[in-house]
Every structure is written in structure tokens, then in C-alpha cells.
N, C-alpha and C. Protein backbone atom coordinates (compact mmCIF):
# COMPACT_ATOMS: atom_id res chain seq x y z
N MET A 1 307.22 179.56 125.24
CA MET A 1 307.83 179.90 126.74
C MET A 1 307.25 181.65 126.88
N LEU A 2 307.09 181.98 127.68
CA LEU A 2 306.73 183.43 128.39
C LEU A 2 307.94 183.75 128.29
N TYR A 3 308.32 185.35 128.40
CA TYR A 3 309.52 185.76 128.38
C TYR A 3 308.56 186.87 129.44
N LEU A 4 309.87 186.29 131.11
CA LEU A 4 309.82 187.13 132.73
C LEU A 4 310.87 188.14 132.00
N PRO A 5 310.43 189.58 132.34
CA PRO A 5 311.46 190.38 132.83
C PRO A 5 312.13 190.59 134.12
N ARG A 6 312.94 190.84 133.83
CA ARG A 6 313.60 190.64 135.06
C ARG A 6 314.24 192.36 135.59
N GLU A 7 313.30 192.61 136.14
CA GLU A 7 313.78 193.49 137.19
C GLU A 7 314.53 194.31 138.40
N GLU A 8 314.92 193.32 138.73
CA GLU A 8 316.07 193.44 140.15
C GLU A 8 316.83 194.71 139.74
N GLY A 9 317.60 194.45 138.63
CA GLY A 9 318.50 195.14 138.56
C GLY A 9 318.00 196.83 138.41
N GLN A 10 316.77 197.31 137.62
CA GLN A 10 316.57 198.41 137.63
C GLN A 10 316.51 199.23 138.98
N GLY A 11 315.62 198.77 140.15
CA GLY A 11 315.29 199.44 141.43
C GLY A 11 316.86 199.71 142.15
N LEU A 12 318.00 198.27 141.30
CA LEU A 12 319.27 198.47 141.92
C LEU A 12 319.88 200.19 141.62
N VAL A 13 319.92 200.66 139.93
CA VAL A 13 320.68 200.98 139.65
C VAL A 13 319.75 202.59 140.12
N GLU A 14 318.48 202.55 140.04
CA GLU A 14 317.95 203.40 140.65
C GLU A 14 318.31 204.23 142.21
N TYR A 15 318.45 203.10 142.87
CA TYR A 15 319.12 203.58 144.32
C TYR A 15 320.55 204.48 144.03
N ALA A 16 321.12 203.53 143.38
CA ALA A 16 322.50 204.25 142.45
C ALA A 16 322.47 205.84 141.80
N LEU A 17 321.77 205.68 141.64
CA LEU A 17 321.58 207.32 140.80
C LEU A 17 321.28 208.01 142.10
N ILE A 18 320.06 207.70 143.31
CA ILE A 18 319.90 208.63 144.60
C ILE A 18 320.66 208.71 144.86
N LEU A 19 321.61 207.76 145.23
CA LEU A 19 322.83 208.04 146.05
C LEU A 19 324.32 209.19 145.22
N VAL A 20 324.09 209.03 144.28
CA VAL A 20 325.33 209.89 143.67
C VAL A 20 324.77 211.03 143.40
N LEU A 21 323.31 211.26 143.03
CA LEU A 21 322.75 212.71 143.46
C LEU A 21 323.03 213.37 145.02
N VAL A 22 322.60 212.59 145.82
CA VAL A 22 322.64 213.03 147.77
C VAL A 22 324.37 213.66 147.92
N ALA A 23 325.21 212.22 147.19
CA ALA A 23 326.52 212.89 147.32
C ALA A 23 327.24 213.70 146.45
N ILE A 24 326.59 214.40 145.65
CA ILE A 24 326.89 215.12 144.90
C ILE A 24 326.33 216.84 145.22
N VAL A 25 325.14 216.38 145.90
CA VAL A 25 324.77 217.52 146.69
C VAL A 25 325.86 218.07 148.03
N VAL A 26 325.67 216.82 148.40
CA VAL A 26 326.08 217.24 149.70
C VAL A 26 327.56 217.82 149.27
N ILE A 27 329.07 217.32 148.84
CA ILE A 27 329.76 218.06 148.04
C ILE A 27 330.00 219.18 147.92
N ALA A 28 329.00 219.71 147.44
CA ALA A 28 328.28 220.81 146.98
C ALA A 28 328.60 221.85 148.08
N ILE A 29 327.54 221.61 148.74
CA ILE A 29 327.10 221.92 150.33
C ILE A 29 329.01 222.83 150.99
N LEU A 30 329.35 221.20 151.38
CA LEU A 30 330.57 220.87 152.00
C LEU A 30 331.46 222.00 151.49
N LEU A 31 331.71 222.15 149.98
CA LEU A 31 332.50 223.20 149.30
C LEU A 31 331.82 224.77 149.52
N LEU A 32 330.70 224.61 149.56
CA LEU A 32 330.50 226.46 149.66
C LEU A 32 330.44 226.95 151.09
N LEU A 33 329.85 226.19 152.35
CA LEU A 33 330.27 226.37 153.84
C LEU A 33 331.25 225.99 154.41
N GLY A 34 332.15 225.59 154.00
CA GLY A 34 333.81 224.68 154.15
C GLY A 34 334.54 225.32 154.94
N PRO A 35 334.77 226.78 154.14
CA PRO A 35 335.60 228.13 154.87
C PRO A 35 334.62 228.43 156.25
N VAL A 36 333.25 228.80 155.50
CA VAL A 36 331.98 229.80 156.32
C VAL A 36 332.41 228.51 157.57
N VAL A 37 332.37 227.37 157.71
CA VAL A 37 332.20 226.76 159.44
C VAL A 37 333.86 227.39 160.18
N GLY A 38 334.48 227.07 159.12
CA GLY A 38 336.05 227.12 159.53
C GLY A 38 336.49 228.02 159.89
N ASN A 39 336.45 229.78 159.53
CA ASN A 39 336.11 230.35 160.46
C ASN A 39 335.19 230.48 161.59
N VAL A 40 334.47 230.17 161.81
CA VAL A 40 333.63 230.42 162.54
C VAL A 40 334.15 229.43 164.06
N PHE A 41 334.92 228.33 164.07
CA PHE A 41 335.46 227.59 164.82
C PHE A 41 336.95 228.08 164.90
N SER A 42 337.43 228.30 164.32
CA SER A 42 338.42 229.96 164.36
C SER A 42 337.62 230.85 164.94
N ASN A 43 337.44 231.45 165.22
CA ASN A 43 336.16 232.31 166.30
C ASN A 43 336.34 232.06 167.42
N ILE A 44 336.21 230.97 167.20
CA ILE A 44 335.68 230.29 168.91
C ILE A 44 336.96 230.16 169.53
N VAL A 45 337.72 229.37 168.89
CA VAL A 45 339.20 228.64 169.40
C VAL A 45 339.81 230.48 169.90
N SER A 46 339.63 231.29 169.03
CA SER A 46 340.82 232.40 169.61
C SER A 46 339.93 233.25 170.52
N ASN A 47 338.79 233.05 171.00
CA ASN A 47 338.10 233.90 171.89
C ASN A 47 337.90 233.16 173.43
N ILE A 48 338.63 231.39 172.95
CA ILE A 48 338.56 230.94 173.88
C ILE A 48 340.28 231.15 175.13
């Protein structure tokens, strides 16, 4: 009997790791830029 490796799960794991990495980067950017964006909108509202 020939052994045929199942590689469907490997691609799914790679996509999941990329998705987690992108999510971590987006969360880090939002944490760093969140207060800055809030101040910009506050300045816009106060000037209106």
C-alpha cells in the first residue's frame, strides 16, 4: 500500500498563521495611533 501524505491541513494552518500575524499588526497599529486619531477628530469637532 502506498502512503499518500495529506497536505490539505498544512495550507490551512499557514493561512491561519498569516491571519493571526496580520491581526496582531493591526491591533498594534490601532493601539499606537488610536489616541492620535481621537485627538484629530476632537480638534475637528471643536473647530466646527
